[in-house]
Protein backbone atom coordinates (compact mmCIF):
# COMPACT_ATOMS: atom_id res chain seq x y z
CA MET A 1 50.41 93.70 124.64
CA VAL A 2 50.58 90.05 125.92
CA THR A 3 51.31 89.35 129.49
CA GLY A 4 51.98 87.31 131.94
CA ASN A 5 53.28 83.66 131.41
CA ALA A 6 52.30 84.03 127.37
CA LEU A 7 55.42 85.86 127.26
CA ILE A 8 57.74 83.05 128.91
CA ALA A 9 55.89 80.76 126.26
CA ILE A 10 56.70 83.21 123.35
CA PHE A 11 60.65 83.13 124.82
CA ILE A 12 61.21 79.93 124.95
CA GLY A 13 59.03 79.44 121.29
CA ALA A 14 61.67 82.45 119.38
CA LEU A 15 64.49 80.10 121.10
CA LEU A 16 63.63 77.33 119.67
CA LEU A 17 62.44 78.49 116.00
CA LEU A 18 66.08 80.55 116.17
CA PHE A 19 68.07 77.31 116.84
CA PHE A 20 65.52 75.33 114.08
CA LEU A 21 66.61 78.14 111.43
CA ILE A 22 70.41 78.35 112.07
CA LEU A 23 70.63 74.46 112.67
CA LYS A 24 68.40 71.94 110.89
CA VAL A 25 67.62 75.51 107.71
CA LYS A 26 70.79 76.65 107.82
CA LEU A 27 69.56 79.89 107.50
CA GLU A 28 72.49 82.41 108.05
CA PRO A 29 72.62 83.92 111.82
CA PHE A 30 72.19 87.42 110.69
CA VAL A 31 68.54 86.63 108.61
CA ALA A 32 67.42 84.43 111.20
CA LEU A 33 67.99 87.17 114.06
CA VAL A 34 66.36 89.75 112.33
CA GLY A 35 63.82 87.67 110.85
CA VAL A 36 63.03 86.31 114.52
CA ALA A 37 62.94 89.35 116.27
CA ILE A 38 60.69 90.91 113.45
CA LEU A 39 58.41 87.62 114.33
CA THR A 40 58.73 87.90 118.10
CA ALA A 41 57.93 91.74 118.16
CA LEU A 42 54.18 90.82 116.79
CA ALA A 43 53.36 87.90 118.48
CA VAL A 44 54.69 90.16 122.38
CA GLY A 45 52.32 92.27 120.27
CA PHE A 46 53.97 95.53 119.76
CA PRO A 47 51.86 98.32 117.81
CA ILE A 48 53.08 96.91 113.72
CA ALA A 49 54.14 100.61 113.15
CA GLU A 50 56.52 100.46 115.77
CA VAL A 51 58.21 96.50 115.10
CA SER A 52 61.12 97.95 112.67
CA SER A 53 62.15 100.76 114.83
CA ILE A 54 62.07 98.71 117.60
CA VAL A 55 64.39 95.76 116.06
CA ALA A 56 66.47 98.37 114.26
CA GLY A 57 67.17 100.22 117.85
CA GLY A 58 68.01 97.16 118.95
CA PHE A 59 70.76 96.59 116.59
CA GLY A 60 71.67 100.15 116.69
CA ASN A 61 72.40 100.22 120.49
CA THR A 62 74.53 97.27 120.19
CA LEU A 63 76.94 98.69 117.41
CA VAL A 64 76.94 101.49 119.50
CA SER A 65 78.88 99.79 122.10
CA VAL A 66 80.84 97.29 120.30
CA GLY A 67 80.83 98.41 116.86
CA ILE A 68 84.07 100.20 116.63
CA LEU A 69 85.50 98.11 118.85
CA ILE A 70 85.01 94.89 116.79
CA GLY A 71 86.32 97.11 113.41
CA LEU A 72 89.49 98.04 115.59
CA GLY A 73 89.59 95.08 117.17
CA VAL A 74 89.86 92.68 114.13
CA ILE A 75 92.66 95.08 113.14
CA PHE A 76 94.96 94.80 115.64
CA GLY A 77 94.52 90.47 115.78
CA GLU A 78 95.31 90.79 112.37
CA LEU A 79 98.76 92.99 113.41
CA LEU A 80 99.63 91.49 116.07
CA ALA A 81 99.81 87.71 114.74
CA ALA A 82 101.25 88.96 111.44
CA SER A 83 104.40 90.35 113.66
CA GLY A 84 104.52 87.26 115.95
CA ALA A 85 103.70 88.67 118.82
CA VAL A 86 100.95 86.51 119.38
CA GLU A 87 103.21 83.27 119.33
CA LYS A 88 105.83 84.84 121.59
CA ILE A 89 102.94 85.96 124.13
CA ALA A 90 101.61 82.58 123.81
CA GLN A 91 105.29 80.85 124.29
CA ALA A 92 105.40 82.81 127.22
CA ILE A 93 102.12 81.46 129.07
CA LEU A 94 103.79 77.48 128.34
CA LYS A 95 106.55 78.63 129.89
CA LEU A 96 105.11 79.81 133.16
CA PHE A 97 102.20 77.09 133.04
CA GLY A 98 103.19 74.52 130.86
CA VAL A 99 101.57 72.63 128.40
CA LYS A 100 99.17 70.65 130.52
CA LYS A 101 98.06 73.84 132.80
CA SER A 102 97.89 76.26 129.26
CA ALA A 103 94.45 76.26 129.63
CA ALA A 104 94.35 77.29 133.66
CA GLY A 105 96.93 80.10 132.35
CA ILE A 106 94.71 81.66 130.04
CA ALA A 107 91.20 81.58 131.95
CA LEU A 108 93.61 83.44 134.99
CA THR A 109 94.85 85.80 132.21
CA GLY A 110 91.50 86.55 131.01
CA THR A 111 90.19 86.53 134.71
CA ALA A 112 92.85 89.42 135.44
CA VAL A 113 91.50 91.65 132.83
CA SER A 114 88.33 91.67 132.85
CA ILE A 115 88.40 93.13 136.23
CA PRO A 116 89.51 96.82 134.62
CA VAL A 117 88.43 96.27 130.97
CA PHE A 118 84.57 95.00 129.70
CA PHE A 119 84.05 91.60 128.37
CA ASP A 120 83.99 92.38 124.97
CA ALA A 121 86.85 94.62 124.63
CA ALA A 122 88.85 92.28 126.55
CA PHE A 123 87.65 88.71 124.19
CA VAL A 124 88.42 90.52 121.40
CA ILE A 125 91.58 91.71 122.11
CA LEU A 126 92.98 88.40 123.83
CA SER A 127 91.41 86.36 121.42
CA GLY A 128 94.24 85.71 118.83
CA LEU A 129 96.16 83.86 121.60
CA ILE A 130 93.22 80.85 120.96
CA LYS A 131 94.52 79.37 117.81
CA SER A 132 98.77 79.98 118.68
CA LEU A 133 98.32 78.29 122.20
CA ALA A 134 96.27 75.24 120.26
CA ASN A 135 98.38 75.16 117.50
CA LYS A 136 101.27 75.23 120.22
CA THR A 137 99.93 72.41 122.77
CA LYS A 138 97.50 70.20 120.37
CA ILE A 139 94.99 71.18 123.23
CA PRO A 140 91.20 71.52 120.84
CA ALA A 141 90.90 75.29 120.34
CA ILE A 142 87.72 75.18 122.11
CA THR A 143 89.29 74.35 125.54
CA PHE A 144 90.99 77.95 125.48
CA VAL A 145 87.65 79.68 124.06
CA THR A 146 85.77 78.38 126.89
CA ALA A 147 88.96 79.06 129.56
CA LEU A 148 89.35 82.21 128.12
CA ALA A 149 85.77 83.47 127.69
CA VAL A 150 84.46 82.21 131.29
CA GLY A 151 87.27 83.35 132.62
CA LEU A 152 86.56 86.75 131.40
CA ILE A 153 82.54 87.20 132.58
CA VAL A 154 83.41 85.47 135.74
CA SER A 155 85.55 89.02 136.64
CA HIS A 156 82.84 90.76 134.83
CA SER A 157 80.20 90.18 136.51
CA THR A 158 81.70 89.48 140.17
CA ILE A 159 84.77 91.95 140.90
CA ILE A 160 84.59 95.56 141.48
CA PRO A 161 85.28 98.32 139.37
CA THR A 162 82.65 96.66 136.71
CA PRO A 163 80.11 98.90 136.44
CA GLY A 164 77.47 95.48 137.28
CA PRO A 165 78.94 94.47 140.57
CA MET A 166 79.77 98.15 141.83
CA ILE A 167 75.96 98.79 141.57
CA VAL A 168 75.23 95.52 143.40
CA ALA A 169 77.50 96.87 146.51
CA GLU A 170 76.30 100.13 146.38
CA ASN A 171 71.84 98.79 146.49
CA THR A 172 73.08 96.39 149.19
CA GLY A 173 75.18 98.45 150.89
CA SER A 174 78.01 96.26 151.13
CA ASP A 175 81.53 97.93 152.18
CA VAL A 176 83.47 98.04 148.61
CA GLY A 177 86.53 96.44 150.04
CA LEU A 178 85.20 93.58 150.98
CA PHE A 179 83.53 93.52 148.40
CA ILE A 180 86.79 93.16 146.22
CA ILE A 181 88.18 90.69 148.33
CA TYR A 182 85.58 88.37 148.63
CA GLY A 183 84.70 88.54 144.94
CA LEU A 184 88.16 87.30 144.21
CA ILE A 185 87.80 84.94 146.53
CA ILE A 186 84.67 83.32 145.00
CA ALA A 187 86.22 84.28 141.29
CA ILE A 188 88.84 82.37 141.42
CA PRO A 189 87.88 78.97 142.12
CA ALA A 190 84.47 79.80 139.29
CA THR A 191 87.03 80.58 136.83
CA LEU A 192 89.16 77.45 137.28
CA VAL A 193 85.94 75.01 137.54
CA GLY A 194 83.86 76.37 134.68
CA GLY A 195 86.67 77.78 132.50
CA TYR A 196 89.21 75.29 132.93
CA LEU A 197 88.27 71.92 134.31
CA TYR A 198 85.13 72.40 132.38
CA GLY A 199 86.87 73.48 129.12
CA MET A 200 89.43 70.52 129.10
CA PHE A 201 86.61 68.43 129.35
CA ILE A 202 84.38 69.51 126.71
CA GLY A 203 87.31 69.92 124.58
CA ARG A 204 88.05 66.04 124.94
CA ARG A 205 84.56 65.74 123.24
CA ILE A 206 83.76 68.11 120.61
CA LYS A 207 85.45 67.52 117.40
CA PRO A 208 86.60 70.92 115.82
CA THR A 209 85.31 72.03 112.70
CA GLU A 210 87.72 71.56 109.65
CA SER A 211 88.01 75.34 109.01
CA VAL A 212 89.55 76.06 112.86
CA GLU A 213 91.71 73.08 112.22
CA MET A 214 92.99 74.49 109.06
CA GLU A 215 93.42 78.00 111.01
CA ILE A 216 95.29 76.45 113.28
CA ALA A 217 97.28 74.74 111.07
CA ALA A 218 98.07 77.80 109.45
CA THR A 219 100.05 79.37 112.03
CA ASP A 220 102.89 77.18 111.39
CA SER A 221 103.38 78.68 107.99
CA GLN A 222 103.37 82.49 109.52
CA THR A 223 106.80 84.06 107.89
CA TYR A 224 107.77 87.14 109.69
CA LYS A 225 110.50 89.68 108.47
CA LYS A 226 112.15 89.20 112.07
CA GLU A 227 112.00 87.90 115.22
CA ILE A 228 109.80 89.86 117.77
CA SER A 229 110.73 90.32 121.08
CA THR A 230 108.72 89.28 124.44
CA GLY A 231 108.87 92.92 126.18
CA LEU A 232 106.89 94.11 122.95
CA SER A 233 105.03 90.97 122.23
CA PHE A 234 103.41 91.99 125.69
CA PHE A 235 103.47 95.61 125.67
CA MET A 236 101.58 95.65 122.01
CA LEU A 237 98.91 92.96 124.23
CA GLY A 238 98.94 95.38 127.25
CA LEU A 239 98.78 98.91 125.59
CA PRO A 240 95.04 99.26 124.64
CA ILE A 241 94.35 97.22 128.50
CA LEU A 242 96.86 99.69 129.95
CA LEU A 243 95.26 102.67 128.83
CA ILE A 244 91.62 101.47 129.77
CA ILE A 245 93.09 100.41 133.40
CA GLY A 246 94.37 104.25 133.53
CA ASN A 247 90.79 105.82 132.74
CA THR A 248 89.52 103.30 135.67
CA VAL A 249 92.27 104.37 138.59
CA THR A 250 92.21 107.93 137.53
CA GLY A 251 88.84 108.28 137.69
CA MET A 252 88.50 106.50 141.12
CA VAL A 253 91.61 107.74 142.53
CA ALA A 254 91.57 111.84 141.60
CA PRO A 255 88.02 112.59 139.30
CA ASP A 256 88.58 115.81 138.72
CA SER A 257 91.99 115.90 137.96
CA THR A 258 93.42 117.20 134.80
CA ILE A 259 95.12 113.66 134.30
CA ALA A 260 91.54 111.41 134.83
CA THR A 261 90.14 113.73 132.02
CA ILE A 262 93.15 113.23 129.73
CA PHE A 263 92.33 109.66 130.43
CA LYS A 264 89.01 109.43 130.07
CA LEU A 265 89.79 110.55 126.55
CA ILE A 266 92.38 108.01 125.76
CA GLY A 267 90.59 105.29 128.43
CA ASP A 268 87.82 104.91 126.40
CA LYS A 269 87.49 101.19 124.99
CA ASN A 270 87.16 102.78 121.37
CA VAL A 271 90.37 105.09 121.12
CA ALA A 272 92.33 103.46 123.44
CA LEU A 273 91.96 100.27 120.65
CA PHE A 274 92.40 103.16 118.16
CA ILE A 275 95.85 104.32 119.67
CA SER A 276 96.64 100.91 120.32
CA VAL A 277 95.89 99.87 116.36
CA ILE A 278 97.81 103.22 115.38
CA ALA A 279 101.08 101.97 117.75
CA ALA A 280 101.05 98.45 116.28
CA ILE A 281 101.05 99.73 112.53
CA ILE A 282 104.37 101.81 113.24
CA LEU A 283 105.65 99.59 116.01
CA LEU A 284 105.14 96.45 114.12
CA LYS A 285 106.12 97.27 110.87
CA PRO A 286 109.38 95.91 110.57
CA TYR A 287 108.21 92.73 111.91
CA ILE A 288 105.53 92.32 109.40
CA ALA A 289 106.29 90.42 106.00
CA LYS A 290 102.50 90.10 104.75
CA ASP A 291 101.13 93.09 102.35
CA TYR A 292 99.24 95.62 104.66
CA THR A 293 96.29 95.62 101.94
CA THR A 294 95.98 91.88 102.76
CA LEU A 295 96.03 92.02 106.32
CA TYR A 296 93.49 95.15 106.13
CA ASN A 297 91.24 93.43 103.39
CA ASN A 298 90.92 90.37 105.54
CA ALA A 299 90.02 92.09 108.90
CA ILE A 300 87.07 94.21 107.03
CA ASN A 301 85.78 90.95 105.74
CA SER A 302 86.14 89.32 109.23
CA ALA A 303 84.65 92.47 111.02
CA GLY A 304 81.72 92.26 108.75
CA VAL A 305 80.25 89.42 109.51
CA ILE A 306 80.54 89.61 112.98
CA LEU A 307 79.23 93.24 113.23
CA LEU A 308 76.27 92.12 111.25
CA ILE A 309 75.40 89.29 113.73
CA THR A 310 76.21 90.94 116.91
CA GLY A 311 73.83 93.94 115.80
CA ALA A 312 71.17 91.30 115.10
CA GLY A 313 71.13 89.88 118.61
CA GLY A 314 71.36 92.87 119.79
CA ALA A 315 67.93 93.67 118.14
CA PHE A 316 66.59 90.34 119.16
CA GLY A 317 67.60 91.09 123.08
CA ALA A 318 66.10 94.53 122.49
CA VAL A 319 62.32 93.07 121.68
CA ILE A 320 62.96 90.84 124.52
CA ASN A 321 63.93 93.14 126.90
CA GLN A 322 60.80 95.24 126.41
CA SER A 323 58.56 93.04 125.79
CA GLY A 324 57.74 93.01 130.00
CA ILE A 325 59.35 89.61 130.49
CA GLY A 326 61.81 90.89 133.25
CA ASP A 327 58.81 92.71 135.23
CA HIS A 328 57.14 89.52 134.96
CA LEU A 329 59.66 87.32 135.99
CA ILE A 330 60.13 89.11 139.14
CA THR A 331 56.62 89.46 140.12
CA VAL A 332 56.58 85.49 140.09
CA MET A 333 59.92 84.64 142.18
CA GLN A 334 59.15 87.02 144.69
CA GLY A 335 56.62 84.31 146.15
CA TRP A 336 58.89 81.39 146.23
CA ASN A 337 60.09 80.36 149.68
CA ILE A 338 63.50 79.09 149.16
CA HIS A 339 66.91 80.53 150.75
CA ILE A 340 67.84 84.47 150.32
CA PHE A 341 71.28 83.29 148.52
CA LEU A 342 69.64 80.90 146.36
CA LEU A 343 66.80 83.05 145.69
CA ALA A 344 69.14 85.80 145.04
CA PHE A 345 70.78 83.71 141.93
CA ILE A 346 68.27 82.44 140.34
CA PHE A 347 66.61 85.20 140.00
CA THR A 348 69.54 87.30 138.58
CA GLN A 349 70.06 83.45 136.63
CA ILE A 350 66.70 83.95 134.94
CA LEU A 351 66.89 87.50 134.23
CA ARG A 352 70.31 87.13 132.86
CA ALA A 353 69.26 84.64 130.15
CA SER A 354 65.87 86.25 129.22
CA LEU A 355 67.24 89.54 129.21
CA GLY A 356 70.31 88.88 127.27
CA SER A 357 72.48 91.27 129.65
CA ALA A 358 74.79 90.05 132.78
CA THR A 359 74.40 94.20 133.87
CA VAL A 360 70.76 94.28 133.35
CA ALA A 361 70.04 91.22 135.74
CA LEU A 362 72.99 92.33 138.63
CA VAL A 363 70.73 96.26 138.39
CA THR A 364 67.57 94.19 138.67
CA THR A 365 67.85 91.86 141.22
CA SER A 366 70.20 94.00 143.99
CA SER A 367 67.59 97.37 142.99
CA ILE A 368 64.66 94.84 144.55
CA LEU A 369 66.61 92.20 147.22
CA GLY A 370 69.23 95.21 148.37
CA PRO A 371 66.91 97.30 150.59
CA GLN A 372 65.86 94.23 152.03
CA VAL A 373 69.53 93.25 153.62
CA ALA A 374 68.29 94.84 157.13
CA GLU A 375 65.13 92.84 157.40
CA LEU A 376 66.82 89.65 156.60
CA GLY A 377 69.86 89.58 158.44
CA VAL A 378 72.08 88.11 156.50
CA SER A 379 75.67 89.75 155.07
CA PRO A 380 75.31 92.28 152.34
CA VAL A 381 78.50 91.23 150.55
CA LEU A 382 77.05 87.64 150.60
CA LEU A 383 73.73 88.58 149.40
CA GLY A 384 75.49 90.65 146.84
CA LEU A 385 77.99 88.44 145.51
CA ALA A 386 75.28 85.41 145.50
CA ILE A 387 73.04 87.94 142.88
CA CYS A 388 76.53 88.31 141.05
CA SER A 389 76.92 84.94 140.74
CA GLY A 390 74.03 84.32 139.01
CA ALA A 391 75.03 86.76 136.45
CA ILE A 392 77.63 84.54 135.17
CA GLY A 393 76.42 81.66 132.74
CA LEU A 394 73.18 81.07 130.56
CA SER A 395 73.98 83.17 128.53
CA LEU A 396 71.85 82.82 124.95
CA PRO A 397 71.09 84.16 121.68
CA ASN A 398 69.76 87.94 122.71
CA ASP A 399 73.08 88.55 124.19
CA SER A 400 75.46 90.19 121.64
CA GLY A 401 78.44 88.20 123.58
CA PHE A 402 77.06 85.12 122.24
CA TRP A 403 77.27 85.64 119.32
CA VAL A 404 80.96 87.89 119.88
CA VAL A 405 82.36 84.17 121.20
CA ASN A 406 80.62 82.35 118.72
CA LYS A 407 82.50 84.38 116.03
CA PHE A 408 85.59 85.26 117.71
CA GLY A 409 86.19 81.81 118.86
CA LYS A 410 85.27 80.32 115.39
CA LEU A 411 82.18 78.20 116.83
CA THR A 412 79.34 76.70 115.86
CA ILE A 413 76.15 77.80 117.42
CA PRO A 414 76.08 74.08 119.32
CA GLN A 415 79.38 74.20 120.45
CA THR A 416 79.28 77.97 121.40
CA MET A 417 75.74 76.43 124.16
CA LYS A 418 78.30 73.98 125.36
CA ALA A 419 81.21 75.77 125.88
CA TRP A 420 80.31 79.20 126.50
CA THR A 421 76.61 78.60 127.53
CA ILE A 422 77.31 75.90 130.05
CA GLY A 423 80.40 77.01 131.40
CA GLY A 424 79.63 80.03 132.41
CA PHE A 425 76.34 78.15 133.91
CA ILE A 426 79.49 76.08 135.38
CA ALA A 427 81.27 78.28 136.95
CA GLY A 428 78.32 80.30 138.33
CA ILE A 429 77.57 77.40 140.24
CA THR A 430 80.67 76.85 141.69
CA ALA A 431 80.89 80.74 142.38
CA LEU A 432 77.64 80.15 144.84
CA VAL A 433 78.80 77.34 146.15
CA VAL A 434 81.67 79.62 147.61
CA VAL A 435 79.19 81.77 148.88
CA TYR A 436 77.59 79.10 151.32
CA VAL A 437 80.94 78.43 152.16
CA LEU A 438 81.46 81.81 153.02
CA PHE A 439 78.72 81.55 154.78
CA LEU A 440 79.22 79.10 157.00
CA LEU A 441 82.72 80.54 158.14
CA SER A 442 81.21 83.70 158.44
CA PRO A 443 82.01 83.86 162.07
CA ILE A 444 85.43 83.90 161.88
CA LEU A 445 85.63 85.97 158.86
CA PRO A 446 86.09 89.50 159.07
CA GLY A 447 83.28 91.88 157.72
CA ILE A 448 80.58 89.19 157.06
């Protein structure tokens, strides 16, 4: 097995090869990802007999997490769009925030939704709003993709009860209530700067592809049996979210109760979305003019491509993860002589980029730095939030979430890097800046 700095060189080389194959050779991303995963496994020095199982295992484990979710989510989105529910919700966001601030509205919506709902599920559910808002406001769709995706990943990485931040709070010995309060304080500016402001900036500088422009224009030609109400539209969009929230809340408030047991089933992200699809089939039928067979076929065709590429991204990530690059980076960075908050941020950020998982980066960093809180003499809450800030950005193709944003956002690979990877990085930097502001104000702030 390869060890040391050679692992970093292999990781960088694998990314460059992947970009070359997709962008220059125009190879299908699924094929490129699987090929690079196999070549990387061989380069790292995995036993030849185990290479296939490692790649297949990473593919399968990713689909265990998001496979059903993506399939049901695409069908759910098709039903909402065909009934006019997405348009109604878009109109409500525009009425509340106005055209100019509509991207801020969807960014903050994402931040709120992702507190109890996992990133992948929330993005799949809410992504249908992007085309409708882009059509109504004439603001580029990539602006809304950036705003939504960054808003979701910020709260996913910083606000309890998401598992990553919860583990960080535990490992640093932080008060959970204070962690939630200050997590919200850093999440809002991070979302607005990295999601809304940067989203508006990048939207003016990237020309949408012809296929995206056609899809946005097609929203004008939608026909419905009759007009759906705003109330029913929000209910349908919110149904899976409410079920998932119910699972989270009952599990925290009354973990051993009958209602918690019930919600553990119906509030599971896959079951919640299945229930929502069935409800949509029944409740939205009076509004849908399209043939149901056509809707299902469109959804299944779209889901198939997304599933393959997302799974292949997970396979590539698994090879990198099992190579030992994370352990090597930890060893290298522990000798760096910089301020603890900045060290925590860089530590988590590099692990996030190299391992492709925000949660793994959070758990790894907090398990190493958490026990040192007393010795360092710093606020455990602020140290924990500095760690969380580092998990927000630098999502690369070894992260399955990269491909979820890429495919559901209808972006090219360079557009995904500019919108999602860089937007998240800017949000993470903003969050770290707020952590330092809180640090300076700590003498007058309660709990820190």
